[in-house]
Amino acid sequence: MEPTVETHTTLFTTRQQKMEETKLSLLHKRMHRAVVKYFRQRSLYSLAELARFQNLSNENNQKIKTIQEELSEAIQRISAFLQSVADDSTTVTVIMLRQ
């Protein structure tokens, strides 16, 4: 080959490589921006989900507290009933013994 054709071929090849490197660099930058944007969006979504779960947890805690209070009241009523039944049976026994 002639030196000019060889030089031209070398320059062409070098230029092609530079263009490929530039395309690859631009693609890398675009992908980096896309990944950063994705993780920002993912972070916001995760925070929203965390807030939702915290709300659900607070609601469940309130429901548990209400149920515990109602259960405590029911136990007190049952205890009072059993105590009154026990007192009545003692009264009946005492009355029968007096006769």
PDB file of N, CA and C in Angstrom:
ATOM      1  N   MET A   1       0.832  -1.180   0.000  1.00  0.00           N
ATOM      2  CA  MET A   1       0.000   0.000   0.000  1.00  0.00           C
ATOM      3  C   MET A   1       0.877   1.244   0.000  1.00  0.00           C
ATOM      4  N   GLU A   2       0.296   2.271  -0.511  1.00  0.00           N
ATOM      5  CA  GLU A   2       1.017   3.535  -0.529  1.00  0.00           C
ATOM      6  C   GLU A   2       0.954   4.161   0.850  1.00  0.00           C
ATOM      7  N   PRO A   3       1.914   4.980   1.177  1.00  0.00           N
ATOM      8  CA  PRO A   3       1.915   5.631   2.490  1.00  0.00           C
ATOM      9  C   PRO A   3       0.678   6.493   2.714  1.00  0.00           C
ATOM     10  N   THR A   4       0.162   7.169   1.723  1.00  0.00           N
ATOM     11  CA  THR A   4      -1.024   7.993   1.930  1.00  0.00           C
ATOM     12  C   THR A   4      -2.262   7.145   2.168  1.00  0.00           C
ATOM     13  N   VAL A   5      -2.384   6.059   1.445  1.00  0.00           N
ATOM     14  CA  VAL A   5      -3.532   5.182   1.649  1.00  0.00           C
ATOM     15  C   VAL A   5      -3.434   4.544   3.033  1.00  0.00           C
ATOM     16  N   GLU A   6      -2.217   4.142   3.397  1.00  0.00           N
ATOM     17  CA  GLU A   6      -1.995   3.548   4.718  1.00  0.00           C
ATOM     18  C   GLU A   6      -2.288   4.567   5.814  1.00  0.00           C
ATOM     19  N   THR A   7      -1.849   5.785   5.615  1.00  0.00           N
ATOM     20  CA  THR A   7      -2.098   6.843   6.580  1.00  0.00           C
ATOM     21  C   THR A   7      -3.592   7.119   6.666  1.00  0.00           C
ATOM     22  N   HIS A   8      -4.235   7.171   5.510  1.00  0.00           N
ATOM     23  CA  HIS A   8      -5.678   7.397   5.482  1.00  0.00           C
ATOM     24  C   HIS A   8      -6.427   6.265   6.212  1.00  0.00           C
ATOM     25  N   THR A   9      -6.026   5.038   5.965  1.00  0.00           N
ATOM     26  CA  THR A   9      -6.651   3.881   6.609  1.00  0.00           C
ATOM     27  C   THR A   9      -6.439   3.934   8.113  1.00  0.00           C
ATOM     28  N   THR A  10      -5.249   4.269   8.534  1.00  0.00           N
ATOM     29  CA  THR A  10      -4.946   4.380   9.968  1.00  0.00           C
ATOM     30  C   THR A  10      -5.781   5.484  10.595  1.00  0.00           C
ATOM     31  N   LEU A  11      -5.856   6.636   9.923  1.00  0.00           N
ATOM     32  CA  LEU A  11      -6.657   7.747  10.442  1.00  0.00           C
ATOM     33  C   LEU A  11      -8.139   7.369  10.502  1.00  0.00           C
ATOM     34  N   PHE A  12      -8.620   6.690   9.462  1.00  0.00           N
ATOM     35  CA  PHE A  12     -10.007   6.259   9.424  1.00  0.00           C
ATOM     36  C   PHE A  12     -10.303   5.290  10.567  1.00  0.00           C
ATOM     37  N   THR A  13      -9.405   4.328  10.764  1.00  0.00           N
ATOM     38  CA  THR A  13      -9.576   3.347  11.838  1.00  0.00           C
ATOM     39  C   THR A  13      -9.537   4.033  13.202  1.00  0.00           C
ATOM     40  N   THR A  14      -8.632   4.948  13.376  1.00  0.00           N
ATOM     41  CA  THR A  14      -8.516   5.689  14.637  1.00  0.00           C
ATOM     42  C   THR A  14      -9.778   6.504  14.877  1.00  0.00           C
ATOM     43  N   ARG A  15     -10.260   7.143  13.802  1.00  0.00           N
ATOM     44  CA  ARG A  15     -11.484   7.949  13.922  1.00  0.00           C
ATOM     45  C   ARG A  15     -12.677   7.053  14.281  1.00  0.00           C
ATOM     46  N   GLN A  16     -12.777   5.898  13.664  1.00  0.00           N
ATOM     47  CA  GLN A  16     -13.854   4.961  13.961  1.00  0.00           C
ATOM     48  C   GLN A  16     -13.786   4.521  15.431  1.00  0.00           C
ATOM     49  N   GLN A  17     -12.600   4.237  15.912  1.00  0.00           N
ATOM     50  CA  GLN A  17     -12.434   3.828  17.312  1.00  0.00           C
ATOM     51  C   GLN A  17     -12.844   4.951  18.254  1.00  0.00           C
ATOM     52  N   LYS A  18     -12.449   6.178  17.922  1.00  0.00           N
ATOM     53  CA  LYS A  18     -12.813   7.327  18.753  1.00  0.00           C
ATOM     54  C   LYS A  18     -14.336   7.499  18.780  1.00  0.00           C
ATOM     55  N   MET A  19     -14.978   7.321  17.618  1.00  0.00           N
ATOM     56  CA  MET A  19     -16.429   7.450  17.553  1.00  0.00           C
ATOM     57  C   MET A  19     -17.098   6.377  18.400  1.00  0.00           C
ATOM     58  N   GLU A  20     -16.568   5.175  18.340  1.00  0.00           N
ATOM     59  CA  GLU A  20     -17.125   4.087  19.147  1.00  0.00           C
ATOM     60  C   GLU A  20     -16.936   4.374  20.635  1.00  0.00           C
ATOM     61  N   GLU A  21     -15.748   4.888  20.983  1.00  0.00           N
ATOM     62  CA  GLU A  21     -15.492   5.240  22.382  1.00  0.00           C
ATOM     63  C   GLU A  21     -16.440   6.353  22.837  1.00  0.00           C
ATOM     64  N   THR A  22     -16.658   7.323  21.978  1.00  0.00           N
ATOM     65  CA  THR A  22     -17.554   8.426  22.306  1.00  0.00           C
ATOM     66  C   THR A  22     -18.983   7.917  22.477  1.00  0.00           C
ATOM     67  N   LYS A  23     -19.435   7.051  21.550  1.00  0.00           N
ATOM     68  CA  LYS A  23     -20.772   6.480  21.664  1.00  0.00           C
ATOM     69  C   LYS A  23     -20.905   5.687  22.957  1.00  0.00           C
ATOM     70  N   LEU A  24     -19.878   4.898  23.252  1.00  0.00           N
ATOM     71  CA  LEU A  24     -19.902   4.087  24.467  1.00  0.00           C
ATOM     72  C   LEU A  24     -19.926   4.978  25.709  1.00  0.00           C
ATOM     73  N   SER A  25     -19.143   6.050  25.689  1.00  0.00           N
ATOM     74  CA  SER A  25     -19.114   6.981  26.820  1.00  0.00           C
ATOM     75  C   SER A  25     -20.475   7.650  27.000  1.00  0.00           C
ATOM     76  N   LEU A  26     -21.092   8.085  25.904  1.00  0.00           N
ATOM     77  CA  LEU A  26     -22.413   8.712  25.982  1.00  0.00           C
ATOM     78  C   LEU A  26     -23.462   7.720  26.485  1.00  0.00           C
ATOM     79  N   LEU A  27     -23.381   6.498  26.004  1.00  0.00           N
ATOM     80  CA  LEU A  27     -24.305   5.464  26.463  1.00  0.00           C
ATOM     81  C   LEU A  27     -24.122   5.210  27.957  1.00  0.00           C
ATOM     82  N   HIS A  28     -22.864   5.174  28.377  1.00  0.00           N
ATOM     83  CA  HIS A  28     -22.568   4.972  29.804  1.00  0.00           C
ATOM     84  C   HIS A  28     -23.150   6.104  30.642  1.00  0.00           C
ATOM     85  N   LYS A  29     -23.014   7.333  30.192  1.00  0.00           N
ATOM     86  CA  LYS A  29     -23.565   8.477  30.921  1.00  0.00           C
ATOM     87  C   LYS A  29     -25.093   8.407  30.985  1.00  0.00           C
ATOM     88  N   ARG A  30     -25.728   8.058  29.861  1.00  0.00           N
ATOM     89  CA  ARG A  30     -27.192   7.933  29.844  1.00  0.00           C
ATOM     90  C   ARG A  30     -27.657   6.836  30.794  1.00  0.00           C
ATOM     91  N   MET A  31     -26.953   5.724  30.768  1.00  0.00           N
ATOM     92  CA  MET A  31     -27.327   4.624  31.657  1.00  0.00           C
ATOM     93  C   MET A  31     -27.136   5.027  33.117  1.00  0.00           C
ATOM     94  N   HIS A  32     -26.057   5.744  33.402  1.00  0.00           N
ATOM     95  CA  HIS A  32     -25.807   6.191  34.775  1.00  0.00           C
ATOM     96  C   HIS A  32     -26.940   7.100  35.245  1.00  0.00           C
ATOM     97  N   ARG A  33     -27.344   8.062  34.407  1.00  0.00           N
ATOM     98  CA  ARG A  33     -28.448   8.950  34.773  1.00  0.00           C
ATOM     99  C   ARG A  33     -29.742   8.158  34.988  1.00  0.00           C
ATOM    100  N   ALA A  34     -29.973   7.183  34.140  1.00  0.00           N
ATOM    101  CA  ALA A  34     -31.188   6.371  34.274  1.00  0.00           C
ATOM    102  C   ALA A  34     -31.165   5.575  35.581  1.00  0.00           C
ATOM    103  N   VAL A  35     -30.024   5.019  35.932  1.00  0.00           N
ATOM    104  CA  VAL A  35     -29.911   4.240  37.176  1.00  0.00           C
ATOM    105  C   VAL A  35     -30.095   5.153  38.388  1.00  0.00           C
ATOM    106  N   VAL A  36     -29.501   6.333  38.353  1.00  0.00           N
ATOM    107  CA  VAL A  36     -29.655   7.291  39.453  1.00  0.00           C
ATOM    108  C   VAL A  36     -31.126   7.669  39.604  1.00  0.00           C
ATOM    109  N   LYS A  37     -31.791   7.947  38.484  1.00  0.00           N
ATOM    110  CA  LYS A  37     -33.212   8.303  38.517  1.00  0.00           C
ATOM    111  C   LYS A  37     -34.032   7.134  39.071  1.00  0.00           C
ATOM    112  N   TYR A  38     -33.716   5.920  38.633  1.00  0.00           N
ATOM    113  CA  TYR A  38     -34.428   4.738  39.119  1.00  0.00           C
ATOM    114  C   TYR A  38     -34.307   4.609  40.634  1.00  0.00           C
ATOM    115  N   PHE A  39     -33.087   4.749  41.154  1.00  0.00           N
ATOM    116  CA  PHE A  39     -32.901   4.582  42.597  1.00  0.00           C
ATOM    117  C   PHE A  39     -33.546   5.719  43.390  1.00  0.00           C
ATOM    118  N   ARG A  40     -33.597   6.912  42.822  1.00  0.00           N
ATOM    119  CA  ARG A  40     -34.331   7.992  43.497  1.00  0.00           C
ATOM    120  C   ARG A  40     -35.812   7.643  43.584  1.00  0.00           C
ATOM    121  N   GLN A  41     -36.375   7.200  42.456  1.00  0.00           N
ATOM    122  CA  GLN A  41     -37.783   6.820  42.434  1.00  0.00           C
ATOM    123  C   GLN A  41     -38.039   5.637  43.370  1.00  0.00           C
ATOM    124  N   ARG A  42     -37.141   4.686  43.366  1.00  0.00           N
ATOM    125  CA  ARG A  42     -37.286   3.506  44.231  1.00  0.00           C
ATOM    126  C   ARG A  42     -37.236   3.922  45.701  1.00  0.00           C
ATOM    127  N   SER A  43     -36.378   4.876  46.009  1.00  0.00           N
ATOM    128  CA  SER A  43     -36.276   5.375  47.375  1.00  0.00           C
ATOM    129  C   SER A  43     -37.584   6.038  47.807  1.00  0.00           C
ATOM    130  N   LEU A  44     -38.149   6.866  46.934  1.00  0.00           N
ATOM    131  CA  LEU A  44     -39.425   7.518  47.254  1.00  0.00           C
ATOM    132  C   LEU A  44     -40.531   6.486  47.444  1.00  0.00           C
ATOM    133  N   TYR A  45     -40.558   5.486  46.586  1.00  0.00           N
ATOM    134  CA  TYR A  45     -41.563   4.426  46.706  1.00  0.00           C
ATOM    135  C   TYR A  45     -41.388   3.670  48.021  1.00  0.00           C
ATOM    136  N   SER A  46     -40.147   3.367  48.360  1.00  0.00           N
ATOM    137  CA  SER A  46     -39.887   2.648  49.612  1.00  0.00           C
ATOM    138  C   SER A  46     -40.315   3.468  50.827  1.00  0.00           C
ATOM    139  N   LEU A  47     -40.067   4.761  50.786  1.00  0.00           N
ATOM    140  CA  LEU A  47     -40.490   5.624  51.893  1.00  0.00           C
ATOM    141  C   LEU A  47     -42.017   5.668  51.996  1.00  0.00           C
ATOM    142  N   ALA A  48     -42.679   5.716  50.855  1.00  0.00           N
ATOM    143  CA  ALA A  48     -44.148   5.726  50.858  1.00  0.00           C
ATOM    144  C   ALA A  48     -44.682   4.409  51.420  1.00  0.00           C
ATOM    145  N   GLU A  49     -44.075   3.301  51.037  1.00  0.00           N
ATOM    146  CA  GLU A  49     -44.506   1.995  51.543  1.00  0.00           C
ATOM    147  C   GLU A  49     -44.242   1.881  53.043  1.00  0.00           C
ATOM    148  N   LEU A  50     -43.109   2.404  53.484  1.00  0.00           N
ATOM    149  CA  LEU A  50     -42.797   2.384  54.913  1.00  0.00           C
ATOM    150  C   LEU A  50     -43.845   3.182  55.689  1.00  0.00           C
ATOM    151  N   ALA A  51     -44.210   4.344  55.176  1.00  0.00           N
ATOM    152  CA  ALA A  51     -45.238   5.163  55.837  1.00  0.00           C
ATOM    153  C   ALA A  51     -46.573   4.418  55.873  1.00  0.00           C
ATOM    154  N   ARG A  52     -46.891   3.726  54.775  1.00  0.00           N
ATOM    155  CA  ARG A  52     -48.147   2.965  54.725  1.00  0.00           C
ATOM    156  C   ARG A  52     -48.137   1.854  55.778  1.00  0.00           C
ATOM    157  N   PHE A  53     -47.030   1.146  55.885  1.00  0.00           N
ATOM    158  CA  PHE A  53     -46.942   0.072  56.877  1.00  0.00           C
ATOM    159  C   PHE A  53     -46.970   0.614  58.305  1.00  0.00           C
ATOM    160  N   GLN A  54     -46.373   1.774  58.512  1.00  0.00           N
ATOM    161  CA  GLN A  54     -46.426   2.376  59.842  1.00  0.00           C
ATOM    162  C   GLN A  54     -47.858   2.753  60.199  1.00  0.00           C
ATOM    163  N   ASN A  55     -48.606   3.278  59.218  1.00  0.00           N
ATOM    164  CA  ASN A  55     -50.023   3.587  59.448  1.00  0.00           C
ATOM    165  C   ASN A  55     -50.798   2.333  59.802  1.00  0.00           C
ATOM    166  N   LEU A  56     -50.586   1.272  59.036  1.00  0.00           N
ATOM    167  CA  LEU A  56     -51.268   0.004  59.314  1.00  0.00           C
ATOM    168  C   LEU A  56     -50.906  -0.510  60.706  1.00  0.00           C
ATOM    169  N   SER A  57     -49.649  -0.377  61.067  1.00  0.00           N
ATOM    170  CA  SER A  57     -49.204  -0.819  62.386  1.00  0.00           C
ATOM    171  C   SER A  57     -49.895  -0.021  63.484  1.00  0.00           C
ATOM    172  N   ASN A  58     -49.990   1.290  63.294  1.00  0.00           N
ATOM    173  CA  ASN A  58     -50.667   2.134  64.287  1.00  0.00           C
ATOM    174  C   ASN A  58     -52.143   1.767  64.402  1.00  0.00           C
ATOM    175  N   GLU A  59     -52.779   1.506  63.265  1.00  0.00           N
ATOM    176  CA  GLU A  59     -54.189   1.104  63.293  1.00  0.00           C
ATOM    177  C   GLU A  59     -54.349  -0.227  64.035  1.00  0.00           C
ATOM    178  N   ASN A  60     -53.461  -1.168  63.745  1.00  0.00           N
ATOM    179  CA  ASN A  60     -53.533  -2.466  64.419  1.00  0.00           C
ATOM    180  C   ASN A  60     -53.294  -2.329  65.922  1.00  0.00           C
ATOM    181  N   ASN A  61     -52.350  -1.475  66.296  1.00  0.00           N
ATOM    182  CA  ASN A  61     -52.101  -1.257  67.722  1.00  0.00           C
ATOM    183  C   ASN A  61     -53.340  -0.699  68.410  1.00  0.00           C
ATOM    184  N   GLN A  62     -54.026   0.226  67.744  1.00  0.00           N
ATOM    185  CA  GLN A  62     -55.241   0.795  68.310  1.00  0.00           C
ATOM    186  C   GLN A  62     -56.334  -0.263  68.438  1.00  0.00           C
ATOM    187  N   LYS A  63     -56.472  -1.105  67.422  1.00  0.00           N
ATOM    188  CA  LYS A  63     -57.469  -2.177  67.474  1.00  0.00           C
ATOM    189  C   LYS A  63     -57.154  -3.153  68.612  1.00  0.00           C
ATOM    190  N   ILE A  64     -55.880  -3.486  68.765  1.00  0.00           N
ATOM    191  CA  ILE A  64     -55.479  -4.401  69.847  1.00  0.00           C
ATOM    192  C   ILE A  64     -55.803  -3.780  71.199  1.00  0.00           C
ATOM    193  N   LYS A  65     -55.503  -2.492  71.348  1.00  0.00           N
ATOM    194  CA  LYS A  65     -55.786  -1.803  72.607  1.00  0.00           C
ATOM    195  C   LYS A  65     -57.281  -1.827  72.910  1.00  0.00           C
ATOM    196  N   THR A  66     -58.107  -1.568  71.901  1.00  0.00           N
ATOM    197  CA  THR A  66     -59.569  -1.581  72.074  1.00  0.00           C
ATOM    198  C   THR A  66     -60.036  -2.967  72.490  1.00  0.00           C
ATOM    199  N   ILE A  67     -59.540  -3.987  71.811  1.00  0.00           N
ATOM    200  CA  ILE A  67     -59.933  -5.364  72.131  1.00  0.00           C
ATOM    201  C   ILE A  67     -59.494  -5.740  73.541  1.00  0.00           C
ATOM    202  N   GLN A  68     -58.282  -5.336  73.922  1.00  0.00           N
ATOM    203  CA  GLN A  68     -57.815  -5.625  75.284  1.00  0.00           C
ATOM    204  C   GLN A  68     -58.716  -4.970  76.325  1.00  0.00           C
ATOM    205  N   GLU A  69     -59.118  -3.720  76.056  1.00  0.00           N
ATOM    206  CA  GLU A  69     -60.007  -3.028  76.996  1.00  0.00           C
ATOM    207  C   GLU A  69     -61.356  -3.739  77.095  1.00  0.00           C
ATOM    208  N   GLU A  70     -61.900  -4.126  75.933  1.00  0.00           N
ATOM    209  CA  GLU A  70     -63.190  -4.830  75.937  1.00  0.00           C
ATOM    210  C   GLU A  70     -63.068  -6.177  76.645  1.00  0.00           C
ATOM    211  N   LEU A  71     -61.974  -6.876  76.423  1.00  0.00           N
ATOM    212  CA  LEU A  71     -61.753  -8.167  77.080  1.00  0.00           C
ATOM    213  C   LEU A  71     -61.629  -7.992  78.590  1.00  0.00           C
ATOM    214  N   SER A  72     -60.939  -6.956  79.008  1.00  0.00           N
ATOM    215  CA  SER A  72     -60.796  -6.686  80.434  1.00  0.00           C
ATOM    216  C   SER A  72     -62.160  -6.416  81.068  1.00  0.00           C
ATOM    217  N   GLU A  73     -62.990  -5.635  80.380  1.00  0.00           N
ATOM    218  CA  GLU A  73     -64.342  -5.358  80.900  1.00  0.00           C
ATOM    219  C   GLU A  73     -65.165  -6.641  80.974  1.00  0.00           C
ATOM    220  N   ALA A  74     -65.049  -7.498  79.945  1.00  0.00           N
ATOM    221  CA  ALA A  74     -65.799  -8.762  79.938  1.00  0.00           C
ATOM    222  C   ALA A  74     -65.348  -9.650  81.097  1.00  0.00           C
ATOM    223  N   ILE A  75     -64.052  -9.703  81.349  1.00  0.00           N
ATOM    224  CA  ILE A  75     -63.529 -10.512  82.456  1.00  0.00           C
ATOM    225  C   ILE A  75     -64.045  -9.976  83.793  1.00  0.00           C
ATOM    226  N   GLN A  76     -64.109  -8.653  83.936  1.00  0.00           N
ATOM    227  CA  GLN A  76     -64.631  -8.071  85.174  1.00  0.00           C
ATOM    228  C   GLN A  76     -66.104  -8.417  85.367  1.00  0.00           C
ATOM    229  N   ARG A  77     -66.876  -8.368  84.280  1.00  0.00           N
ATOM    230  CA  ARG A  77     -68.300  -8.737  84.379  1.00  0.00           C
ATOM    231  C   ARG A  77     -68.461 -10.214  84.727  1.00  0.00           C
ATOM    232  N   ILE A  78     -67.658 -11.064  84.133  1.00  0.00           N
ATOM    233  CA  ILE A  78     -67.716 -12.507  84.437  1.00  0.00           C
ATOM    234  C   ILE A  78     -67.334 -12.753  85.890  1.00  0.00           C
ATOM    235  N   SER A  79     -66.290 -12.075  86.341  1.00  0.00           N
ATOM    236  CA  SER A  79     -65.865 -12.232  87.744  1.00  0.00           C
ATOM    237  C   SER A  79     -66.966 -11.774  88.700  1.00  0.00           C
ATOM    238  N   ALA A  80     -67.595 -10.645  88.373  1.00  0.00           N
ATOM    239  CA  ALA A  80     -68.680 -10.147  89.223  1.00  0.00           C
ATOM    240  C   ALA A  80     -69.841 -11.136  89.239  1.00  0.00           C
ATOM    241  N   PHE A  81     -70.172 -11.683  88.072  1.00  0.00           N
ATOM    242  CA  PHE A  81     -71.241 -12.662  87.996  1.00  0.00           C
ATOM    243  C   PHE A  81     -70.915 -13.901  88.828  1.00  0.00           C
ATOM    244  N   LEU A  82     -69.708 -14.422  88.654  1.00  0.00           N
ATOM    245  CA  LEU A  82     -69.316 -15.614  89.412  1.00  0.00           C
ATOM    246  C   LEU A  82     -69.307 -15.333  90.914  1.00  0.00           C
ATOM    247  N   GLN A  83     -68.878 -14.137  91.271  1.00  0.00           N
ATOM    248  CA  GLN A  83     -68.867 -13.769  92.692  1.00  0.00           C
ATOM    249  C   GLN A  83     -70.288 -13.705  93.223  1.00  0.00           C
ATOM    250  N   SER A  84     -71.202 -13.150  92.428  1.00  0.00           N
ATOM    251  CA  SER A  84     -72.592 -13.063  92.891  1.00  0.00           C
ATOM    252  C   SER A  84     -73.211 -14.451  92.991  1.00  0.00           C
ATOM    253  N   VAL A  85     -72.874 -15.334  92.076  1.00  0.00           N
ATOM    254  CA  VAL A  85     -73.377 -16.706  92.139  1.00  0.00           C
ATOM    255  C   VAL A  85     -72.820 -17.397  93.383  1.00  0.00           C
ATOM    256  N   ALA A  86     -71.566 -17.189  93.665  1.00  0.00           N
ATOM    257  CA  ALA A  86     -70.947 -17.799  94.842  1.00  0.00           C
ATOM    258  C   ALA A  86     -71.578 -17.239  96.113  1.00  0.00           C
ATOM    259  N   ASP A  87     -71.838 -15.930  96.155  1.00  0.00           N
ATOM    260  CA  ASP A  87     -72.469 -15.315  97.329  1.00  0.00           C
ATOM    261  C   ASP A  87     -73.890 -15.845  97.517  1.00  0.00           C
ATOM    262  N   ASP A  88     -74.636 -15.993  96.412  1.00  0.00           N
ATOM    263  CA  ASP A  88     -76.003 -16.514  96.491  1.00  0.00           C
ATOM    264  C   ASP A  88     -76.015 -17.951  96.993  1.00  0.00           C
ATOM    265  N   SER A  89     -75.085 -18.764  96.546  1.00  0.00           N
ATOM    266  CA  SER A  89     -75.071 -20.161  96.990  1.00  0.00           C
ATOM    267  C   SER A  89     -74.698 -20.243  98.463  1.00  0.00           C
ATOM    268  N   THR A  90     -73.858 -19.344  98.906  1.00  0.00           N
ATOM    269  CA  THR A  90     -73.500 -19.314 100.321  1.00  0.00           C
ATOM    270  C   THR A  90     -74.719 -18.896 101.136  1.00  0.00           C
ATOM    271  N   THR A  91     -75.463 -17.911 100.642  1.00  0.00           N
ATOM    272  CA  THR A  91     -76.662 -17.445 101.324  1.00  0.00           C
ATOM    273  C   THR A  91     -77.690 -18.562 101.404  1.00  0.00           C
ATOM    274  N   VAL A  92     -77.884 -19.277 100.295  1.00  0.00           N
ATOM    275  CA  VAL A  92     -78.852 -20.383 100.275  1.00  0.00           C
ATOM    276  C   VAL A  92     -78.425 -21.450 101.274  1.00  0.00           C
ATOM    277  N   THR A  93     -77.145 -21.779 101.325  1.00  0.00           N
ATOM    278  CA  THR A  93     -76.649 -22.792 102.253  1.00  0.00           C
ATOM    279  C   THR A  93     -76.880 -22.374 103.698  1.00  0.00           C
ATOM    280  N   VAL A  94     -76.613 -21.122 103.998  1.00  0.00           N
ATOM    281  CA  VAL A  94     -76.800 -20.601 105.358  1.00  0.00           C
ATOM    282  C   VAL A  94     -78.280 -20.650 105.719  1.00  0.00           C
ATOM    283  N   ILE A  95     -79.151 -20.270 104.825  1.00  0.00           N
ATOM    284  CA  ILE A  95     -80.594 -20.284 105.081  1.00  0.00           C
ATOM    285  C   ILE A  95     -81.038 -21.720 105.334  1.00  0.00           C
ATOM    286  N   MET A  96     -80.571 -22.672 104.542  1.00  0.00           N
ATOM    287  CA  MET A  96     -80.974 -24.056 104.724  1.00  0.00           C
ATOM    288  C   MET A  96     -80.485 -24.606 106.056  1.00  0.00           C
ATOM    289  N   LEU A  97     -79.303 -24.195 106.487  1.00  0.00           N
ATOM    290  CA  LEU A  97     -78.772 -24.674 107.754  1.00  0.00           C
ATOM    291  C   LEU A  97     -79.567 -24.105 108.931  1.00  0.00           C
ATOM    292  N   ARG A  98     -80.089 -22.908 108.793  1.00  0.00           N
ATOM    293  CA  ARG A  98     -80.857 -22.281 109.865  1.00  0.00           C
ATOM    294  C   ARG A  98     -82.227 -22.959 110.047  1.00  0.00           C
ATOM    295  N   GLN A  99     -82.734 -23.570 109.043  1.00  0.00           N
ATOM    296  CA  GLN A  99     -84.088 -24.160 109.153  1.00  0.00           C
ATOM    297  C   GLN A  99     -84.023 -25.414 109.892  1.00  0.00           C
TER     298      GLN A  99
END
